[in-house]
C-alpha atoms as a PDB file:
ATOM      1  CA  MET A   1      74.401  81.588 105.611  1.00  0.00           C
ATOM      2  CA  LYS A   2      78.014  82.003 107.019  1.00  0.00           C
ATOM      3  CA  ASN A   3      80.112  78.894 106.275  1.00  0.00           C
ATOM      4  CA  THR A   4      81.268  77.693 109.746  1.00  0.00           C
ATOM      5  CA  ALA A   5      81.579  74.064 110.295  1.00  0.00           C
ATOM      6  CA  VAL A   6      83.821  71.674 112.058  1.00  0.00           C
ATOM      7  CA  CYS A   7      86.160  69.183 110.387  1.00  0.00           C
ATOM      8  CA  LEU A   8      87.377  66.387 112.362  1.00  0.00           C
ATOM      9  CA  ALA A   9      90.517  64.286 112.006  1.00  0.00           C
ATOM     10  CA  PHE A  10      91.020  60.922 113.687  1.00  0.00           C
ATOM     11  CA  SER A  11      93.742  58.529 114.874  1.00  0.00           C
ATOM     12  CA  LEU A  12      92.968  54.938 114.794  1.00  0.00           C
ATOM     13  CA  SER A  13      95.599  54.428 117.184  1.00  0.00           C
ATOM     14  CA  LEU A  14      93.912  51.929 119.519  1.00  0.00           C
ATOM     15  CA  PHE A  15      93.285  49.627 116.295  1.00  0.00           C
ATOM     16  CA  LEU A  16      96.459  49.669 114.991  1.00  0.00           C
ATOM     17  CA  SER A  17      98.258  49.005 118.290  1.00  0.00           C
ATOM     18  CA  ALA A  18      95.907  46.201 119.219  1.00  0.00           C
ATOM     19  CA  CYS A  19      98.334  43.465 118.028  1.00  0.00           C
ATOM     20  CA  ASP A  20     101.460  44.816 120.006  1.00  0.00           C
ATOM     21  CA  ASN A  21      99.360  44.855 123.076  1.00  0.00           C
ATOM     22  CA  PRO A  22      97.145  41.966 123.772  1.00  0.00           C
ATOM     23  CA  ALA A  23      96.587  42.693 127.071  1.00  0.00           C
ATOM     24  CA  GLN A  24      94.690  45.624 126.492  1.00  0.00           C
ATOM     25  CA  PRO A  25      91.427  45.514 128.358  1.00  0.00           C
ATOM     26  CA  LEU A  26      88.499  44.389 126.315  1.00  0.00           C
ATOM     27  CA  GLU A  27      86.090  46.723 127.207  1.00  0.00           C
ATOM     28  CA  GLN A  28      88.333  49.883 126.867  1.00  0.00           C
ATOM     29  CA  GLU A  29      86.699  52.626 124.921  1.00  0.00           C
ATOM     30  CA  PRO A  30      88.708  53.425 121.622  1.00  0.00           C
ATOM     31  CA  GLU A  31      91.455  55.837 121.780  1.00  0.00           C
ATOM     32  CA  GLN A  32      89.950  57.985 119.273  1.00  0.00           C
ATOM     33  CA  THR A  33      91.349  61.486 119.117  1.00  0.00           C
ATOM     34  CA  ALA A  34      89.694  64.071 117.295  1.00  0.00           C
ATOM     35  CA  ARG A  35      91.046  67.594 116.354  1.00  0.00           C
ATOM     36  CA  GLU A  36      88.866  70.235 115.158  1.00  0.00           C
ATOM     37  CA  ALA A  37      89.904  73.062 112.543  1.00  0.00           C
ATOM     38  CA  ASP A  38      87.726  76.208 112.548  1.00  0.00           C
ATOM     39  CA  PHE A  39      86.744  77.320 109.109  1.00  0.00           C
ATOM     40  CA  SER A  40      84.826  80.603 110.155  1.00  0.00           C
ATOM     41  CA  THR A  41      87.214  82.799 108.398  1.00  0.00           C
ATOM     42  CA  GLU A  42      87.489  80.646 105.191  1.00  0.00           C
ATOM     43  CA  PRO A  43      87.880  82.860 102.035  1.00  0.00           C
ATOM     44  CA  THR A  44      84.933  82.796  99.797  1.00  0.00           C
ATOM     45  CA  ALA A  45      86.518  82.683  96.308  1.00  0.00           C
ATOM     46  CA  SER A  46      86.535  79.077  95.253  1.00  0.00           C
ATOM     47  CA  ASP A  47      89.985  79.033  94.003  1.00  0.00           C
ATOM     48  CA  GLN A  48      91.521  79.976  97.360  1.00  0.00           C
ATOM     49  CA  ARG A  49      89.593  77.358  99.153  1.00  0.00           C
ATOM     50  CA  SER A  50      91.896  74.143  98.535  1.00  0.00           C
ATOM     51  CA  SER A  51      95.244  76.299  99.580  1.00  0.00           C
ATOM     52  CA  PHE A  52      93.333  77.564 102.794  1.00  0.00           C
ATOM     53  CA  VAL A  53      92.117  74.130 103.732  1.00  0.00           C
ATOM     54  CA  LEU A  54      95.497  72.727 103.044  1.00  0.00           C
ATOM     55  CA  ARG A  55      97.344  75.199 105.331  1.00  0.00           C
ATOM     56  CA  ASN A  56      94.764  74.225 108.113  1.00  0.00           C
ATOM     57  CA  ILE A  57      94.752  70.717 107.769  1.00  0.00           C
ATOM     58  CA  ASN A  58      98.541  70.799 108.891  1.00  0.00           C
ATOM     59  CA  VAL A  59      97.057  70.582 112.424  1.00  0.00           C
ATOM     60  CA  PHE A  60      95.858  66.791 111.644  1.00  0.00           C
ATOM     61  CA  ASP A  61      99.529  65.502 111.455  1.00  0.00           C
ATOM     62  CA  GLY A  62      99.407  61.895 112.521  1.00  0.00           C
ATOM     63  CA  SER A  63      95.705  61.421 111.766  1.00  0.00           C
ATOM     64  CA  ASP A  64      94.411  58.377 109.604  1.00  0.00           C
ATOM     65  CA  TYR A  65      91.283  59.939 108.164  1.00  0.00           C
ATOM     66  CA  LEU A  66      89.381  63.098 107.916  1.00  0.00           C
ATOM     67  CA  LYS A  67      85.790  63.333 108.874  1.00  0.00           C
ATOM     68  CA  ILE A  68      83.875  66.073 107.537  1.00  0.00           C
ATOM     69  CA  ILE A  69      80.559  67.295 109.331  1.00  0.00           C
ATOM     70  CA  VAL A  70      77.683  67.986 106.990  1.00  0.00           C
ATOM     71  CA  SER A  71      74.729  68.700 108.646  1.00  0.00           C
ATOM     72  CA  GLY A  72      71.774  69.368 106.036  1.00  0.00           C
ATOM     73  CA  GLN A  73      68.953  68.592 108.329  1.00  0.00           C
ATOM     74  CA  ARG A  74      70.329  70.667 111.428  1.00  0.00           C
ATOM     75  CA  ALA A  75      70.979  73.367 108.949  1.00  0.00           C
ATOM     76  CA  LYS A  76      67.353  74.045 108.832  1.00  0.00           C
ATOM     77  CA  GLN A  77      67.031  74.859 112.205  1.00  0.00           C
ATOM     78  CA  GLY A  78      69.819  77.423 111.756  1.00  0.00           C
ATOM     79  CA  MET A  79      73.082  75.520 112.286  1.00  0.00           C
ATOM     80  CA  PRO A  80      75.837  76.340 109.799  1.00  0.00           C
ATOM     81  CA  THR A  81      76.897  73.565 107.364  1.00  0.00           C
ATOM     82  CA  LEU A  82      79.338  73.347 104.515  1.00  0.00           C
ATOM     83  CA  ASP A  83      78.790  74.191 100.936  1.00  0.00           C
ATOM     84  CA  THR A  84      80.025  71.865  98.022  1.00  0.00           C
ATOM     85  CA  GLU A  85      82.758  73.861  97.011  1.00  0.00           C
ATOM     86  CA  THR A  86      84.344  73.708 100.675  1.00  0.00           C
ATOM     87  CA  ILE A  87      83.497  69.940 100.809  1.00  0.00           C
ATOM     88  CA  ALA A  88      85.338  69.434  97.720  1.00  0.00           C
ATOM     89  CA  ALA A  89      88.281  71.657  99.031  1.00  0.00           C
ATOM     90  CA  LEU A  90      88.402  69.619 102.325  1.00  0.00           C
ATOM     91  CA  VAL A  91      88.446  65.990 100.243  1.00  0.00           C
ATOM     92  CA  GLU A  92      91.323  67.402  98.042  1.00  0.00           C
ATOM     93  CA  ALA A  93      93.183  68.564 100.872  1.00  0.00           C
ATOM     94  CA  ALA A  94      92.767  65.578 102.734  1.00  0.00           C
ATOM     95  CA  HIS A  95      93.934  63.224  99.619  1.00  0.00           C
ATOM     96  CA  SER A  96      96.878  65.369  98.997  1.00  0.00           C
ATOM     97  CA  ARG A  97      98.160  64.317 102.488  1.00  0.00           C
ATOM     98  CA  GLY A  98      97.152  60.520 102.119  1.00  0.00           C
ATOM     99  CA  LEU A  99      94.189  60.692 104.090  1.00  0.00           C
ATOM    100  CA  LEU A 100      90.890  59.078 103.632  1.00  0.00           C
ATOM    101  CA  ALA A 101      88.008  61.594 103.929  1.00  0.00           C
ATOM    102  CA  VAL A 102      84.495  60.340 105.250  1.00  0.00           C
ATOM    103  CA  ALA A 103      81.380  62.344 105.822  1.00  0.00           C
ATOM    104  CA  HIS A 104      78.821  62.937 108.492  1.00  0.00           C
ATOM    105  CA  VAL A 105      75.793  63.217 106.388  1.00  0.00           C
ATOM    106  CA  GLU A 106      71.954  63.738 107.473  1.00  0.00           C
ATOM    107  CA  THR A 107      69.949  64.306 104.367  1.00  0.00           C
ATOM    108  CA  THR A 108      69.804  62.863 100.875  1.00  0.00           C
ATOM    109  CA  ASP A 109      71.111  66.491  99.682  1.00  0.00           C
ATOM    110  CA  ASP A 110      74.152  66.068 101.939  1.00  0.00           C
ATOM    111  CA  VAL A 111      75.019  62.716 100.197  1.00  0.00           C
ATOM    112  CA  ARG A 112      74.777  64.163  96.780  1.00  0.00           C
ATOM    113  CA  ALA A 113      76.921  67.256  98.164  1.00  0.00           C
ATOM    114  CA  VAL A 114      79.663  65.100  99.340  1.00  0.00           C
ATOM    115  CA  LEU A 115      79.444  62.620  96.321  1.00  0.00           C
ATOM    116  CA  SER A 116      80.208  65.601  93.981  1.00  0.00           C
ATOM    117  CA  GLY A 117      83.150  66.390  96.267  1.00  0.00           C
ATOM    118  CA  GLY A 118      84.678  62.898  95.885  1.00  0.00           C
ATOM    119  CA  ILE A 119      83.972  61.478  99.382  1.00  0.00           C
ATOM    120  CA  GLY A 120      85.362  57.995 100.214  1.00  0.00           C
ATOM    121  CA  GLY A 121      82.778  57.034 102.692  1.00  0.00           C
ATOM    122  CA  LEU A 122      79.597  58.066 104.502  1.00  0.00           C
ATOM    123  CA  VAL A 123      78.962  57.923 108.376  1.00  0.00           C
ATOM    124  CA  HIS A 124      75.233  57.308 108.849  1.00  0.00           C
ATOM    125  CA  VAL A 125      72.352  56.697 106.518  1.00  0.00           C
ATOM    126  CA  TRP A 126      70.369  59.813 105.635  1.00  0.00           C
ATOM    127  CA  ARG A 127      67.496  60.894 107.755  1.00  0.00           C
ATOM    128  CA  ASP A 128      64.994  62.561 105.549  1.00  0.00           C
ATOM    129  CA  SER A 129      64.178  59.549 103.158  1.00  0.00           C
ATOM    130  CA  GLY A 130      63.746  55.962 103.216  1.00  0.00           C
ATOM    131  CA  LEU A 131      64.723  54.069  99.813  1.00  0.00           C
ATOM    132  CA  ALA A 132      66.756  56.379  97.589  1.00  0.00           C
ATOM    133  CA  ALA A 133      67.799  53.962  94.754  1.00  0.00           C
ATOM    134  CA  GLU A 134      69.597  56.540  92.574  1.00  0.00           C
ATOM    135  CA  LEU A 135      71.951  57.468  95.436  1.00  0.00           C
ATOM    136  CA  SER A 136      72.632  54.006  96.273  1.00  0.00           C
ATOM    137  CA  VAL A 137      73.433  53.167  92.626  1.00  0.00           C
ATOM    138  CA  LEU A 138      75.590  56.437  92.627  1.00  0.00           C
ATOM    139  CA  LEU A 139      77.391  55.241  95.689  1.00  0.00           C
ATOM    140  CA  THR A 140      78.038  51.963  94.360  1.00  0.00           C
ATOM    141  CA  LYS A 141      79.481  53.467  91.115  1.00  0.00           C
ATOM    142  CA  GLN A 142      81.815  55.693  92.778  1.00  0.00           C
ATOM    143  CA  SER A 143      82.870  52.792  95.309  1.00  0.00           C
ATOM    144  CA  VAL A 144      81.855  54.833  98.450  1.00  0.00           C
ATOM    145  CA  PHE A 145      81.360  52.484 101.446  1.00  0.00           C
ATOM    146  CA  VAL A 146      78.528  53.509 104.193  1.00  0.00           C
ATOM    147  CA  ILE A 147      78.899  53.078 107.980  1.00  0.00           C
ATOM    148  CA  THR A 148      75.081  52.528 108.409  1.00  0.00           C
ATOM    149  CA  THR A 149      74.928  53.136 112.312  1.00  0.00           C
ATOM    150  CA  LEU A 150      71.272  51.683 112.659  1.00  0.00           C
ATOM    151  CA  VAL A 151      71.765  50.991 116.134  1.00  0.00           C
ATOM    152  CA  THR A 152      71.824  54.743 116.853  1.00  0.00           C
ATOM    153  CA  GLN A 153      68.335  55.303 115.718  1.00  0.00           C
ATOM    154  CA  ASP A 154      67.277  52.170 117.339  1.00  0.00           C
ATOM    155  CA  GLY A 155      68.059  53.962 120.654  1.00  0.00           C
ATOM    156  CA  PHE A 156      65.597  56.567 119.819  1.00  0.00           C
ATOM    157  CA  VAL A 157      62.329  54.156 119.527  1.00  0.00           C
ATOM    158  CA  ASP A 158      60.067  55.409 121.914  1.00  0.00           C
ATOM    159  CA  SER A 159      59.072  51.806 123.056  1.00  0.00           C
ATOM    160  CA  ALA A 160      62.550  50.680 123.669  1.00  0.00           C
ATOM    161  CA  ARG A 161      63.915  53.359 126.020  1.00  0.00           C
ATOM    162  CA  ARG A 162      66.942  50.987 126.493  1.00  0.00           C
ATOM    163  CA  SER A 163      69.047  48.754 124.660  1.00  0.00           C
ATOM    164  CA  THR A 164      67.586  44.995 124.167  1.00  0.00           C
ATOM    165  CA  LEU A 165      71.365  43.985 124.647  1.00  0.00           C
ATOM    166  CA  VAL A 166      70.916  44.352 128.480  1.00  0.00           C
ATOM    167  CA  ALA A 167      68.488  41.562 128.659  1.00  0.00           C
ATOM    168  CA  ASP A 168      70.610  39.145 126.797  1.00  0.00           C
ATOM    169  CA  PHE A 169      71.893  36.476 129.190  1.00  0.00           C
ATOM    170  CA  ARG A 170      74.776  35.849 126.640  1.00  0.00           C
ATOM    171  CA  LEU A 171      76.160  39.498 127.182  1.00  0.00           C
ATOM    172  CA  ARG A 172      74.805  40.838 130.440  1.00  0.00           C
ATOM    173  CA  PRO A 173      77.235  39.131 132.911  1.00  0.00           C
ATOM    174  CA  PHE A 174      80.015  40.465 130.896  1.00  0.00           C
ATOM    175  CA  MET A 175      78.889  44.143 131.091  1.00  0.00           C
ATOM    176  CA  SER A 176      80.250  46.755 133.566  1.00  0.00           C
ATOM    177  CA  GLU A 177      78.085  49.235 135.527  1.00  0.00           C
ATOM    178  CA  LYS A 178      79.375  51.763 132.975  1.00  0.00           C
ATOM    179  CA  ALA A 179      77.972  49.562 130.064  1.00  0.00           C
ATOM    180  CA  VAL A 180      74.728  49.086 131.727  1.00  0.00           C
ATOM    181  CA  ALA A 181      74.188  52.837 132.236  1.00  0.00           C
ATOM    182  CA  GLU A 182      75.118  53.762 128.708  1.00  0.00           C
ATOM    183  CA  LEU A 183      72.842  50.956 127.361  1.00  0.00           C
ATOM    184  CA  THR A 184      69.809  51.816 129.491  1.00  0.00           C
ATOM    185  CA  THR A 185      70.248  55.724 129.321  1.00  0.00           C
ATOM    186  CA  ARG A 186      69.241  57.516 125.737  1.00  0.00           C
ATOM    187  CA  ARG A 187      71.252  60.356 124.763  1.00  0.00           C
ATOM    188  CA  GLY A 188      70.378  63.182 122.692  1.00  0.00           C
ATOM    189  CA  GLY A 189      67.713  62.969 119.638  1.00  0.00           C
ATOM    190  CA  ALA A 190      63.868  62.786 119.764  1.00  0.00           C
ATOM    191  CA  ASP A 191      61.649  59.938 120.071  1.00  0.00           C
ATOM    192  CA  LEU A 192      61.127  57.810 116.942  1.00  0.00           C
ATOM    193  CA  GLU A 193      57.946  55.616 116.374  1.00  0.00           C
ATOM    194  CA  ASN A 194      60.175  53.047 114.450  1.00  0.00           C
ATOM    195  CA  ILE A 195      63.098  52.940 112.286  1.00  0.00           C
ATOM    196  CA  ASP A 196      61.511  51.858 109.046  1.00  0.00           C
ATOM    197  CA  ARG A 197      62.881  54.685 106.998  1.00  0.00           C
ATOM    198  CA  PHE A 198      66.393  53.752 107.952  1.00  0.00           C
ATOM    199  CA  LEU A 199      66.139  50.174 107.304  1.00  0.00           C
ATOM    200  CA  GLN A 200      64.568  50.962 103.862  1.00  0.00           C
ATOM    201  CA  ALA A 201      67.535  53.193 103.276  1.00  0.00           C
ATOM    202  CA  ALA A 202      69.986  50.488 104.392  1.00  0.00           C
ATOM    203  CA  SER A 203      67.888  48.002 102.192  1.00  0.00           C
ATOM    204  CA  GLY A 204      68.469  50.127  99.125  1.00  0.00           C
ATOM    205  CA  LEU A 205      72.198  50.401  99.819  1.00  0.00           C
ATOM    206  CA  ILE A 206      72.540  46.696 100.313  1.00  0.00           C
ATOM    207  CA  ASP A 207      70.261  45.693  97.076  1.00  0.00           C
ATOM    208  CA  ALA A 208      72.965  48.237  95.015  1.00  0.00           C
ATOM    209  CA  GLY A 209      75.826  46.340  96.211  1.00  0.00           C
ATOM    210  CA  VAL A 210      77.293  49.183  98.311  1.00  0.00           C
ATOM    211  CA  THR A 211      80.153  48.141 100.711  1.00  0.00           C
ATOM    212  CA  ILE A 212      78.448  48.092 104.156  1.00  0.00           C
ATOM    213  CA  LEU A 213      80.470  48.607 107.208  1.00  0.00           C
ATOM    214  CA  VAL A 214      79.560  48.011 110.862  1.00  0.00           C
ATOM    215  CA  GLY A 215      79.586  51.053 113.128  1.00  0.00           C
ATOM    216  CA  THR A 216      77.707  52.241 116.311  1.00  0.00           C
ATOM    217  CA  ASP A 217      78.177  55.998 116.699  1.00  0.00           C
ATOM    218  CA  VAL A 218      78.742  55.604 120.551  1.00  0.00           C
ATOM    219  CA  SER A 219      77.571  58.425 122.755  1.00  0.00           C
ATOM    220  CA  ALA A 220      74.259  58.783 120.914  1.00  0.00           C
ATOM    221  CA  GLY A 221      70.961  56.631 121.518  1.00  0.00           C
ATOM    222  CA  THR A 222      71.694  53.812 123.909  1.00  0.00           C
ATOM    223  CA  THR A 223      74.911  52.673 122.653  1.00  0.00           C
ATOM    224  CA  TYR A 224      78.073  51.185 124.125  1.00  0.00           C
ATOM    225  CA  HIS A 225      81.695  50.260 122.828  1.00  0.00           C
ATOM    226  CA  GLY A 226      81.536  46.611 121.787  1.00  0.00           C
ATOM    227  CA  ALA A 227      78.229  45.411 122.783  1.00  0.00           C
ATOM    228  CA  SER A 228      76.225  47.674 120.343  1.00  0.00           C
ATOM    229  CA  VAL A 229      78.259  45.856 117.301  1.00  0.00           C
ATOM    230  CA  HIS A 230      75.896  42.846 118.294  1.00  0.00           C
ATOM    231  CA  ARG A 231      72.760  44.672 117.798  1.00  0.00           C
ATOM    232  CA  GLU A 232      73.890  46.777 114.713  1.00  0.00           C
ATOM    233  CA  LEU A 233      74.523  43.226 112.969  1.00  0.00           C
ATOM    234  CA  GLU A 234      71.187  42.089 113.839  1.00  0.00           C
ATOM    235  CA  LEU A 235      69.708  45.360 112.356  1.00  0.00           C
ATOM    236  CA  LEU A 236      71.481  44.897 108.959  1.00  0.00           C
ATOM    237  CA  VAL A 237      70.345  41.410 108.656  1.00  0.00           C
ATOM    238  CA  LEU A 238      66.915  42.858 109.289  1.00  0.00           C
ATOM    239  CA  ALA A 239      67.607  45.284 106.453  1.00  0.00           C
ATOM    240  CA  GLY A 240      68.412  42.524 104.087  1.00  0.00           C
ATOM    241  CA  LEU A 241      71.924  41.699 104.345  1.00  0.00           C
ATOM    242  CA  SER A 242      72.478  38.077 104.532  1.00  0.00           C
ATOM    243  CA  PRO A 243      73.601  36.309 107.684  1.00  0.00           C
ATOM    244  CA  VAL A 244      76.762  35.214 105.821  1.00  0.00           C
ATOM    245  CA  ASP A 245      77.773  38.759 104.527  1.00  0.00           C
ATOM    246  CA  ALA A 246      76.985  40.435 107.866  1.00  0.00           C
ATOM    247  CA  PRO A 247      80.112  39.346 109.779  1.00  0.00           C
ATOM    248  CA  ALA A 248      82.255  40.579 106.921  1.00  0.00           C
ATOM    249  CA  ALA A 249      80.702  44.170 107.508  1.00  0.00           C
ATOM    250  CA  ALA A 250      82.455  44.228 110.862  1.00  0.00           C
ATOM    251  CA  THR A 251      85.695  42.566 109.908  1.00  0.00           C
ATOM    252  CA  PRO A 252      87.331  42.724 106.126  1.00  0.00           C
ATOM    253  CA  ASN A 253      84.953  45.525 104.850  1.00  0.00           C
ATOM    254  CA  VAL A 254      86.264  47.747 107.979  1.00  0.00           C
ATOM    255  CA  ALA A 255      89.899  46.466 107.422  1.00  0.00           C
ATOM    256  CA  LYS A 256      89.754  47.343 103.602  1.00  0.00           C
ATOM    257  CA  ALA A 257      87.897  50.746 103.792  1.00  0.00           C
ATOM    258  CA  PHE A 258      90.443  52.097 106.392  1.00  0.00           C
ATOM    259  CA  GLY A 259      93.575  50.575 105.048  1.00  0.00           C
ATOM    260  CA  ILE A 260      94.222  48.305 107.704  1.00  0.00           C
ATOM    261  CA  ASP A 261      96.400  45.672 106.134  1.00  0.00           C
ATOM    262  CA  ASP A 262      97.063  43.094 108.935  1.00  0.00           C
ATOM    263  CA  ARG A 263      93.608  42.062 109.917  1.00  0.00           C
ATOM    264  CA  GLY A 264      89.968  41.562 108.536  1.00  0.00           C
ATOM    265  CA  SER A 265      90.480  37.875 107.730  1.00  0.00           C
ATOM    266  CA  ILE A 266      91.862  34.423 109.084  1.00  0.00           C
ATOM    267  CA  SER A 267      94.989  33.876 106.982  1.00  0.00           C
ATOM    268  CA  PRO A 268      98.612  33.871 106.945  1.00  0.00           C
ATOM    269  CA  GLU A 269     100.342  36.994 108.069  1.00  0.00           C
ATOM    270  CA  MET A 270      97.309  38.415 109.461  1.00  0.00           C
ATOM    271  CA  CYS A 271      97.115  39.545 113.269  1.00  0.00           C
ATOM    272  CA  ALA A 272      95.554  36.745 114.930  1.00  0.00           C
ATOM    273  CA  ASP A 273      92.603  38.345 116.751  1.00  0.00           C
ATOM    274  CA  LEU A 274      89.671  35.912 116.882  1.00  0.00           C
ATOM    275  CA  LEU A 275      86.655  35.188 118.437  1.00  0.00           C
ATOM    276  CA  LEU A 276      85.067  31.655 118.951  1.00  0.00           C
ATOM    277  CA  VAL A 277      81.194  31.615 119.431  1.00  0.00           C
ATOM    278  CA  ARG A 278      78.881  29.086 120.276  1.00  0.00           C
ATOM    279  CA  GLY A 279      76.691  28.568 117.139  1.00  0.00           C
ATOM    280  CA  ASP A 280      76.626  29.428 113.639  1.00  0.00           C
ATOM    281  CA  PRO A 281      76.506  33.218 113.097  1.00  0.00           C
ATOM    282  CA  THR A 282      76.031  32.839 109.421  1.00  0.00           C
ATOM    283  CA  LYS A 283      72.608  31.340 110.101  1.00  0.00           C
ATOM    284  CA  ASP A 284      71.879  33.171 113.318  1.00  0.00           C
ATOM    285  CA  THR A 285      73.599  36.541 113.586  1.00  0.00           C
ATOM    286  CA  THR A 286      72.889  36.753 117.159  1.00  0.00           C
ATOM    287  CA  ALA A 287      75.359  33.875 117.867  1.00  0.00           C
ATOM    288  CA  THR A 288      78.055  36.511 117.734  1.00  0.00           C
ATOM    289  CA  ARG A 289      76.875  37.140 121.094  1.00  0.00           C
ATOM    290  CA  ASP A 290      77.500  33.638 122.738  1.00  0.00           C
ATOM    291  CA  ILE A 291      81.692  34.128 122.911  1.00  0.00           C
ATOM    292  CA  ILE A 292      83.529  31.362 124.449  1.00  0.00           C
ATOM    293  CA  GLY A 293      86.864  32.011 123.383  1.00  0.00           C
ATOM    294  CA  ILE A 294      89.080  35.167 122.580  1.00  0.00           C
ATOM    295  CA  TRP A 295      92.734  35.645 121.103  1.00  0.00           C
ATOM    296  CA  ARG A 296      94.322  38.852 120.837  1.00  0.00           C
ATOM    297  CA  ASN A 297      97.628  38.311 118.666  1.00  0.00           C
ATOM    298  CA  GLY A 298      97.312  34.820 119.059  1.00  0.00           C
ATOM    299  CA  VAL A 299      97.191  34.901 123.009  1.00  0.00           C
ATOM    300  CA  ARG A 300      94.253  33.365 124.657  1.00  0.00           C
ATOM    301  CA  MET A 301      92.457  35.844 126.746  1.00  0.00           C
ATOM    302  CA  ASP A 302      90.128  35.148 129.910  1.00  0.00           C
ATOM    303  CA  ARG A 303      86.938  36.640 129.474  1.00  0.00           C
ATOM    304  CA  VAL A 304      86.477  38.339 132.613  1.00  0.00           C
ATOM    305  CA  LEU A 305      84.752  41.587 133.722  1.00  0.00           C
ATOM    306  CA  GLU A 306      87.445  44.180 134.947  1.00  0.00           C
ATOM    307  CA  ALA A 307      86.835  45.783 138.190  1.00  0.00           C
ATOM    308  CA  GLU A 308      85.580  49.231 137.982  1.00  0.00           C
ATOM    309  CA  GLY A 309      88.037  52.069 139.640  1.00  0.00           C
END
């Protein structure tokens, strides 16, 4: 199959500038800039791949990390995907420019392919299997983090049809019309009876000691920026992550994985972006939804719903 695929580079500009702009709207969507590179004309000789990729990766100047799309499941329906040699060349080119390389994966074979190429992180758990103990152990040995995005799959459960977050009285008053629409309208994907295999995959990762990061894959399922983090935390606890460790998956784990040194913990010299919640989230994860105070760069913010334009 022709080796055509998309490789994305992202800028974390919103997250890196939040300290400098404490008045930024709380519900603003991340300024996530993606640029694509077309590898349809990529040379086939393996010794040429790295130099070819390195030349093309110049379009990613200013980015913080490279996301490689490996679509093993959709390849079965005819969609092109990347081979292991090209994956390795992409990772090598990213590292040569000081970029973190992460991979979108769909199958256990995808995971094996990107691990052989030296990937730093996975986006999503695999879809074709539940528990895969040997892969989980390998991920731990290679210090690869995983952004599980369980909330995305949760949005495809047929009985749901809408996010449970909309009915939560602690969140609903602060949701805009757009947020409600996104959380009640499914986008993409087929119906799932349940997400048991995804929870089993995550459980294996947790048991093996893999570093787990919270992510929501907004634009798929019934997800929305910010709000869906709360459901992801709940699902990670359901998969076996302790309520004590769950908040870390959304704070220091993310900061460390992406090299963001000025946040992730409450300590001197760190950016003072803080949430005060009612209750104890280390005992009840859903307590993160009951927010009673917000500080950005040390400035207390009013929690109000911005008028929509």
